[in-house]
Amino acid sequence: MAGTKKDISAMEGFTRKTYIVNEELSNKIDAISYWGRSTLKDVVFEMQTAFIKAWEKKNGTLKPIPGKK
């Protein structure tokens, strides 16, 4: 798989966050990661990217939250 996907773990600009998530959905995300032979980090990154792209297509480009870096 080397060379076929971006190695997100080697990229800068990532931060650790803790979220409360739906258990059933979390288990499905874990299964996607397992069966897709990908890291959970990569799967979550893909989900976030797809969601934000769809949101911005519908609502326009997101603006930064005032006062937040």
PDB file of N, CA and C in Angstrom:
ATOM      1  N   MET A   1       0.810  -1.184   0.000  1.00  0.00           N
ATOM      2  CA  MET A   1       0.000   0.000   0.000  1.00  0.00           C
ATOM      3  C   MET A   1       0.859   1.256   0.000  1.00  0.00           C
ATOM      4  N   ALA A   2       2.122   1.105   0.226  1.00  0.00           N
ATOM      5  CA  ALA A   2       3.014   2.265   0.224  1.00  0.00           C
ATOM      6  C   ALA A   2       2.983   2.940  -1.136  1.00  0.00           C
ATOM      7  N   GLY A   3       2.838   4.242  -1.102  1.00  0.00           N
ATOM      8  CA  GLY A   3       2.835   5.003  -2.326  1.00  0.00           C
ATOM      9  C   GLY A   3       1.461   5.171  -2.952  1.00  0.00           C
ATOM     10  N   THR A   4       0.455   4.414  -2.469  1.00  0.00           N
ATOM     11  CA  THR A   4      -0.874   4.519  -3.062  1.00  0.00           C
ATOM     12  C   THR A   4      -1.744   5.534  -2.343  1.00  0.00           C
ATOM     13  N   LYS A   5      -1.503   5.754  -1.080  1.00  0.00           N
ATOM     14  CA  LYS A   5      -2.276   6.719  -0.301  1.00  0.00           C
ATOM     15  C   LYS A   5      -1.328   7.671   0.399  1.00  0.00           C
ATOM     16  N   LYS A   6      -1.827   8.867   0.715  1.00  0.00           N
ATOM     17  CA  LYS A   6      -1.027   9.799   1.505  1.00  0.00           C
ATOM     18  C   LYS A   6      -0.858   9.233   2.905  1.00  0.00           C
ATOM     19  N   ASP A   7       0.332   9.313   3.434  1.00  0.00           N
ATOM     20  CA  ASP A   7       0.574   8.883   4.805  1.00  0.00           C
ATOM     21  C   ASP A   7       0.252  10.048   5.722  1.00  0.00           C
ATOM     22  N   ILE A   8      -0.972  10.059   6.213  1.00  0.00           N
ATOM     23  CA  ILE A   8      -1.433  11.169   7.046  1.00  0.00           C
ATOM     24  C   ILE A   8      -0.617  11.276   8.328  1.00  0.00           C
ATOM     25  N   SER A   9      -0.151  10.136   8.855  1.00  0.00           N
ATOM     26  CA  SER A   9       0.582  10.164  10.114  1.00  0.00           C
ATOM     27  C   SER A   9       1.885  10.949   9.997  1.00  0.00           C
ATOM     28  N   ALA A  10       2.384  11.138   8.780  1.00  0.00           N
ATOM     29  CA  ALA A  10       3.631  11.874   8.592  1.00  0.00           C
ATOM     30  C   ALA A  10       3.379  13.359   8.331  1.00  0.00           C
ATOM     31  N   MET A  11       2.115  13.752   8.255  1.00  0.00           N
ATOM     32  CA  MET A  11       1.778  15.136   7.937  1.00  0.00           C
ATOM     33  C   MET A  11       1.716  16.007   9.188  1.00  0.00           C
ATOM     34  N   GLU A  12       2.091  17.258   9.028  1.00  0.00           N
ATOM     35  CA  GLU A  12       1.960  18.220  10.113  1.00  0.00           C
ATOM     36  C   GLU A  12       0.573  18.835  10.057  1.00  0.00           C
ATOM     37  N   GLY A  13       0.199  19.545  11.097  1.00  0.00           N
ATOM     38  CA  GLY A  13      -1.078  20.234  11.094  1.00  0.00           C
ATOM     39  C   GLY A  13      -2.205  19.414  11.704  1.00  0.00           C
ATOM     40  N   PHE A  14      -1.880  18.364  12.418  1.00  0.00           N
ATOM     41  CA  PHE A  14      -2.892  17.547  13.076  1.00  0.00           C
ATOM     42  C   PHE A  14      -2.878  17.843  14.570  1.00  0.00           C
ATOM     43  N   THR A  15      -4.017  17.661  15.214  1.00  0.00           N
ATOM     44  CA  THR A  15      -4.129  17.871  16.650  1.00  0.00           C
ATOM     45  C   THR A  15      -4.944  16.737  17.252  1.00  0.00           C
ATOM     46  N   ARG A  16      -4.772  16.509  18.528  1.00  0.00           N
ATOM     47  CA  ARG A  16      -5.569  15.493  19.219  1.00  0.00           C
ATOM     48  C   ARG A  16      -6.835  16.151  19.761  1.00  0.00           C
ATOM     49  N   LYS A  17      -7.960  15.483  19.573  1.00  0.00           N
ATOM     50  CA  LYS A  17      -9.248  15.948  20.087  1.00  0.00           C
ATOM     51  C   LYS A  17      -9.968  14.746  20.675  1.00  0.00           C
ATOM     52  N   THR A  18     -10.844  14.995  21.618  1.00  0.00           N
ATOM     53  CA  THR A  18     -11.666  13.945  22.207  1.00  0.00           C
ATOM     54  C   THR A  18     -13.123  14.290  21.958  1.00  0.00           C
ATOM     55  N   TYR A  19     -13.862  13.350  21.404  1.00  0.00           N
ATOM     56  CA  TYR A  19     -15.275  13.549  21.117  1.00  0.00           C
ATOM     57  C   TYR A  19     -16.087  12.407  21.705  1.00  0.00           C
ATOM     58  N   ILE A  20     -17.328  12.696  22.074  1.00  0.00           N
ATOM     59  CA  ILE A  20     -18.274  11.657  22.456  1.00  0.00           C
ATOM     60  C   ILE A  20     -19.023  11.288  21.184  1.00  0.00           C
ATOM     61  N   VAL A  21     -19.011   9.990  20.846  1.00  0.00           N
ATOM     62  CA  VAL A  21     -19.600   9.545  19.584  1.00  0.00           C
ATOM     63  C   VAL A  21     -20.615   8.434  19.821  1.00  0.00           C
ATOM     64  N   ASN A  22     -21.481   8.242  18.856  1.00  0.00           N
ATOM     65  CA  ASN A  22     -22.456   7.167  18.888  1.00  0.00           C
ATOM     66  C   ASN A  22     -21.713   5.831  18.794  1.00  0.00           C
ATOM     67  N   GLU A  23     -22.022   4.916  19.701  1.00  0.00           N
ATOM     68  CA  GLU A  23     -21.288   3.651  19.782  1.00  0.00           C
ATOM     69  C   GLU A  23     -21.447   2.805  18.512  1.00  0.00           C
ATOM     70  N   GLU A  24     -22.654   2.718  17.983  1.00  0.00           N
ATOM     71  CA  GLU A  24     -22.884   1.917  16.780  1.00  0.00           C
ATOM     72  C   GLU A  24     -22.116   2.483  15.587  1.00  0.00           C
ATOM     73  N   LEU A  25     -22.155   3.799  15.424  1.00  0.00           N
ATOM     74  CA  LEU A  25     -21.420   4.422  14.330  1.00  0.00           C
ATOM     75  C   LEU A  25     -19.915   4.257  14.526  1.00  0.00           C
ATOM     76  N   SER A  26     -19.461   4.370  15.766  1.00  0.00           N
ATOM     77  CA  SER A  26     -18.041   4.195  16.059  1.00  0.00           C
ATOM     78  C   SER A  26     -17.574   2.787  15.699  1.00  0.00           C
ATOM     79  N   ASN A  27     -18.390   1.794  16.012  1.00  0.00           N
ATOM     80  CA  ASN A  27     -18.042   0.410  15.667  1.00  0.00           C
ATOM     81  C   ASN A  27     -17.966   0.225  14.151  1.00  0.00           C
ATOM     82  N   LYS A  28     -18.858   0.886  13.431  1.00  0.00           N
ATOM     83  CA  LYS A  28     -18.830   0.783  11.967  1.00  0.00           C
ATOM     84  C   LYS A  28     -17.590   1.461  11.392  1.00  0.00           C
ATOM     85  N   ILE A  29     -17.198   2.580  11.976  1.00  0.00           N
ATOM     86  CA  ILE A  29     -15.979   3.265  11.532  1.00  0.00           C
ATOM     87  C   ILE A  29     -14.760   2.376  11.791  1.00  0.00           C
ATOM     88  N   ASP A  30     -14.745   1.733  12.949  1.00  0.00           N
ATOM     89  CA  ASP A  30     -13.659   0.791  13.252  1.00  0.00           C
ATOM     90  C   ASP A  30     -13.615  -0.332  12.219  1.00  0.00           C
ATOM     91  N   ALA A  31     -14.797  -0.845  11.825  1.00  0.00           N
ATOM     92  CA  ALA A  31     -14.865  -1.929  10.849  1.00  0.00           C
ATOM     93  C   ALA A  31     -14.378  -1.455   9.474  1.00  0.00           C
ATOM     94  N   ILE A  32     -14.751  -0.238   9.096  1.00  0.00           N
ATOM     95  CA  ILE A  32     -14.271   0.318   7.825  1.00  0.00           C
ATOM     96  C   ILE A  32     -12.748   0.382   7.830  1.00  0.00           C
ATOM     97  N   SER A  33     -12.196   0.830   8.927  1.00  0.00           N
ATOM     98  CA  SER A  33     -10.743   0.913   9.051  1.00  0.00           C
ATOM     99  C   SER A  33     -10.111  -0.477   8.954  1.00  0.00           C
ATOM    100  N   TYR A  34     -10.680  -1.424   9.672  1.00  0.00           N
ATOM    101  CA  TYR A  34     -10.130  -2.789   9.690  1.00  0.00           C
ATOM    102  C   TYR A  34     -10.210  -3.435   8.320  1.00  0.00           C
ATOM    103  N   TRP A  35     -11.412  -3.479   7.756  1.00  0.00           N
ATOM    104  CA  TRP A  35     -11.612  -4.170   6.481  1.00  0.00           C
ATOM    105  C   TRP A  35     -10.978  -3.427   5.312  1.00  0.00           C
ATOM    106  N   GLY A  36     -10.836  -2.114   5.443  1.00  0.00           N
ATOM    107  CA  GLY A  36     -10.196  -1.337   4.397  1.00  0.00           C
ATOM    108  C   GLY A  36      -8.682  -1.301   4.530  1.00  0.00           C
ATOM    109  N   ARG A  37      -8.179  -1.982   5.574  1.00  0.00           N
ATOM    110  CA  ARG A  37      -6.730  -2.036   5.825  1.00  0.00           C
ATOM    111  C   ARG A  37      -6.133  -0.635   5.896  1.00  0.00           C
ATOM    112  N   SER A  38      -6.811   0.215   6.634  1.00  0.00           N
ATOM    113  CA  SER A  38      -6.396   1.605   6.772  1.00  0.00           C
ATOM    114  C   SER A  38      -6.342   1.950   8.250  1.00  0.00           C
ATOM    115  N   THR A  39      -5.697   3.044   8.576  1.00  0.00           N
ATOM    116  CA  THR A  39      -5.677   3.462   9.976  1.00  0.00           C
ATOM    117  C   THR A  39      -6.972   4.189  10.289  1.00  0.00           C
ATOM    118  N   LEU A  40      -7.358   4.165  11.532  1.00  0.00           N
ATOM    119  CA  LEU A  40      -8.543   4.891  11.971  1.00  0.00           C
ATOM    120  C   LEU A  40      -8.362   6.383  11.697  1.00  0.00           C
ATOM    121  N   LYS A  41      -7.164   6.861  11.891  1.00  0.00           N
ATOM    122  CA  LYS A  41      -6.841   8.263  11.630  1.00  0.00           C
ATOM    123  C   LYS A  41      -7.126   8.628  10.171  1.00  0.00           C
ATOM    124  N   ASP A  42      -6.741   7.761   9.245  1.00  0.00           N
ATOM    125  CA  ASP A  42      -6.985   8.009   7.828  1.00  0.00           C
ATOM    126  C   ASP A  42      -8.477   7.987   7.500  1.00  0.00           C
ATOM    127  N   VAL A  43      -9.206   7.032   8.078  1.00  0.00           N
ATOM    128  CA  VAL A  43     -10.646   6.935   7.824  1.00  0.00           C
ATOM    129  C   VAL A  43     -11.361   8.176   8.344  1.00  0.00           C
ATOM    130  N   VAL A  44     -11.048   8.603   9.552  1.00  0.00           N
ATOM    131  CA  VAL A  44     -11.687   9.788  10.122  1.00  0.00           C
ATOM    132  C   VAL A  44     -11.333  11.033   9.303  1.00  0.00           C
ATOM    133  N   PHE A  45     -10.094  11.128   8.846  1.00  0.00           N
ATOM    134  CA  PHE A  45      -9.692  12.256   8.001  1.00  0.00           C
ATOM    135  C   PHE A  45     -10.508  12.289   6.708  1.00  0.00           C
ATOM    136  N   GLU A  46     -10.679  11.124   6.086  1.00  0.00           N
ATOM    137  CA  GLU A  46     -11.479  11.046   4.858  1.00  0.00           C
ATOM    138  C   GLU A  46     -12.928  11.449   5.116  1.00  0.00           C
ATOM    139  N   MET A  47     -13.485  11.000   6.250  1.00  0.00           N
ATOM    140  CA  MET A  47     -14.869  11.345   6.602  1.00  0.00           C
ATOM    141  C   MET A  47     -15.016  12.847   6.813  1.00  0.00           C
ATOM    142  N   GLN A  48     -14.099  13.422   7.566  1.00  0.00           N
ATOM    143  CA  GLN A  48     -14.155  14.852   7.834  1.00  0.00           C
ATOM    144  C   GLN A  48     -14.042  15.656   6.545  1.00  0.00           C
ATOM    145  N   THR A  49     -13.116  15.265   5.697  1.00  0.00           N
ATOM    146  CA  THR A  49     -12.896  15.970   4.435  1.00  0.00           C
ATOM    147  C   THR A  49     -14.138  15.909   3.547  1.00  0.00           C
ATOM    148  N   ALA A  50     -14.741  14.716   3.426  1.00  0.00           N
ATOM    149  CA  ALA A  50     -15.939  14.549   2.597  1.00  0.00           C
ATOM    150  C   ALA A  50     -17.115  15.343   3.165  1.00  0.00           C
ATOM    151  N   PHE A  51     -17.277  15.313   4.488  1.00  0.00           N
ATOM    152  CA  PHE A  51     -18.383  16.031   5.118  1.00  0.00           C
ATOM    153  C   PHE A  51     -18.244  17.538   4.911  1.00  0.00           C
ATOM    154  N   ILE A  52     -17.062  18.057   5.144  1.00  0.00           N
ATOM    155  CA  ILE A  52     -16.840  19.504   5.001  1.00  0.00           C
ATOM    156  C   ILE A  52     -17.009  19.930   3.546  1.00  0.00           C
ATOM    157  N   LYS A  53     -16.513  19.124   2.615  1.00  0.00           N
ATOM    158  CA  LYS A  53     -16.670  19.438   1.195  1.00  0.00           C
ATOM    159  C   LYS A  53     -18.161  19.510   0.829  1.00  0.00           C
ATOM    160  N   ALA A  54     -18.945  18.550   1.288  1.00  0.00           N
ATOM    161  CA  ALA A  54     -20.387  18.537   1.010  1.00  0.00           C
ATOM    162  C   ALA A  54     -21.084  19.718   1.678  1.00  0.00           C
ATOM    163  N   TRP A  55     -20.694  20.023   2.914  1.00  0.00           N
ATOM    164  CA  TRP A  55     -21.304  21.139   3.639  1.00  0.00           C
ATOM    165  C   TRP A  55     -21.031  22.455   2.917  1.00  0.00           C
ATOM    166  N   GLU A  56     -19.779  22.644   2.507  1.00  0.00           N
ATOM    167  CA  GLU A  56     -19.412  23.879   1.821  1.00  0.00           C
ATOM    168  C   GLU A  56     -20.071  23.982   0.441  1.00  0.00           C
ATOM    169  N   LYS A  57     -20.268  22.867  -0.213  1.00  0.00           N
ATOM    170  CA  LYS A  57     -20.952  22.887  -1.510  1.00  0.00           C
ATOM    171  C   LYS A  57     -22.385  23.381  -1.332  1.00  0.00           C
ATOM    172  N   LYS A  58     -23.011  22.971  -0.251  1.00  0.00           N
ATOM    173  CA  LYS A  58     -24.405  23.354   0.026  1.00  0.00           C
ATOM    174  C   LYS A  58     -24.514  24.749   0.629  1.00  0.00           C
ATOM    175  N   ASN A  59     -23.583  25.116   1.510  1.00  0.00           N
ATOM    176  CA  ASN A  59     -23.705  26.334   2.317  1.00  0.00           C
ATOM    177  C   ASN A  59     -22.687  27.426   2.029  1.00  0.00           C
ATOM    178  N   GLY A  60     -21.688  27.125   1.228  1.00  0.00           N
ATOM    179  CA  GLY A  60     -20.631  28.092   0.969  1.00  0.00           C
ATOM    180  C   GLY A  60     -19.429  27.836   1.871  1.00  0.00           C
ATOM    181  N   THR A  61     -18.346  28.494   1.530  1.00  0.00           N
ATOM    182  CA  THR A  61     -17.084  28.306   2.257  1.00  0.00           C
ATOM    183  C   THR A  61     -17.238  28.689   3.719  1.00  0.00           C
ATOM    184  N   LEU A  62     -16.708  27.831   4.586  1.00  0.00           N
ATOM    185  CA  LEU A  62     -16.751  28.093   6.018  1.00  0.00           C
ATOM    186  C   LEU A  62     -15.867  29.276   6.371  1.00  0.00           C
ATOM    187  N   LYS A  63     -16.352  30.097   7.274  1.00  0.00           N
ATOM    188  CA  LYS A  63     -15.568  31.218   7.782  1.00  0.00           C
ATOM    189  C   LYS A  63     -15.002  30.806   9.145  1.00  0.00           C
ATOM    190  N   PRO A  64     -13.822  31.288   9.480  1.00  0.00           N
ATOM    191  CA  PRO A  64     -13.242  30.973  10.804  1.00  0.00           C
ATOM    192  C   PRO A  64     -14.133  31.493  11.935  1.00  0.00           C
ATOM    193  N   ILE A  65     -14.111  30.802  13.047  1.00  0.00           N
ATOM    194  CA  ILE A  65     -14.834  31.238  14.242  1.00  0.00           C
ATOM    195  C   ILE A  65     -14.100  32.457  14.795  1.00  0.00           C
ATOM    196  N   PRO A  66     -14.813  33.571  15.032  1.00  0.00           N
ATOM    197  CA  PRO A  66     -14.148  34.773  15.547  1.00  0.00           C
ATOM    198  C   PRO A  66     -13.404  34.509  16.855  1.00  0.00           C
ATOM    199  N   GLY A  67     -12.184  34.981  16.951  1.00  0.00           N
ATOM    200  CA  GLY A  67     -11.392  34.854  18.165  1.00  0.00           C
ATOM    201  C   GLY A  67     -10.732  33.496  18.352  1.00  0.00           C
ATOM    202  N   LYS A  68     -10.890  32.604  17.403  1.00  0.00           N
ATOM    203  CA  LYS A  68     -10.282  31.283  17.505  1.00  0.00           C
ATOM    204  C   LYS A  68      -9.186  31.151  16.464  1.00  0.00           C
ATOM    205  N   LYS A  69      -8.043  30.640  16.875  1.00  0.00           N
ATOM    206  CA  LYS A  69      -6.901  30.478  15.945  1.00  0.00           C
ATOM    207  C   LYS A  69      -7.112  29.322  15.038  1.00  0.00           C
TER     208      LYS A  69
END
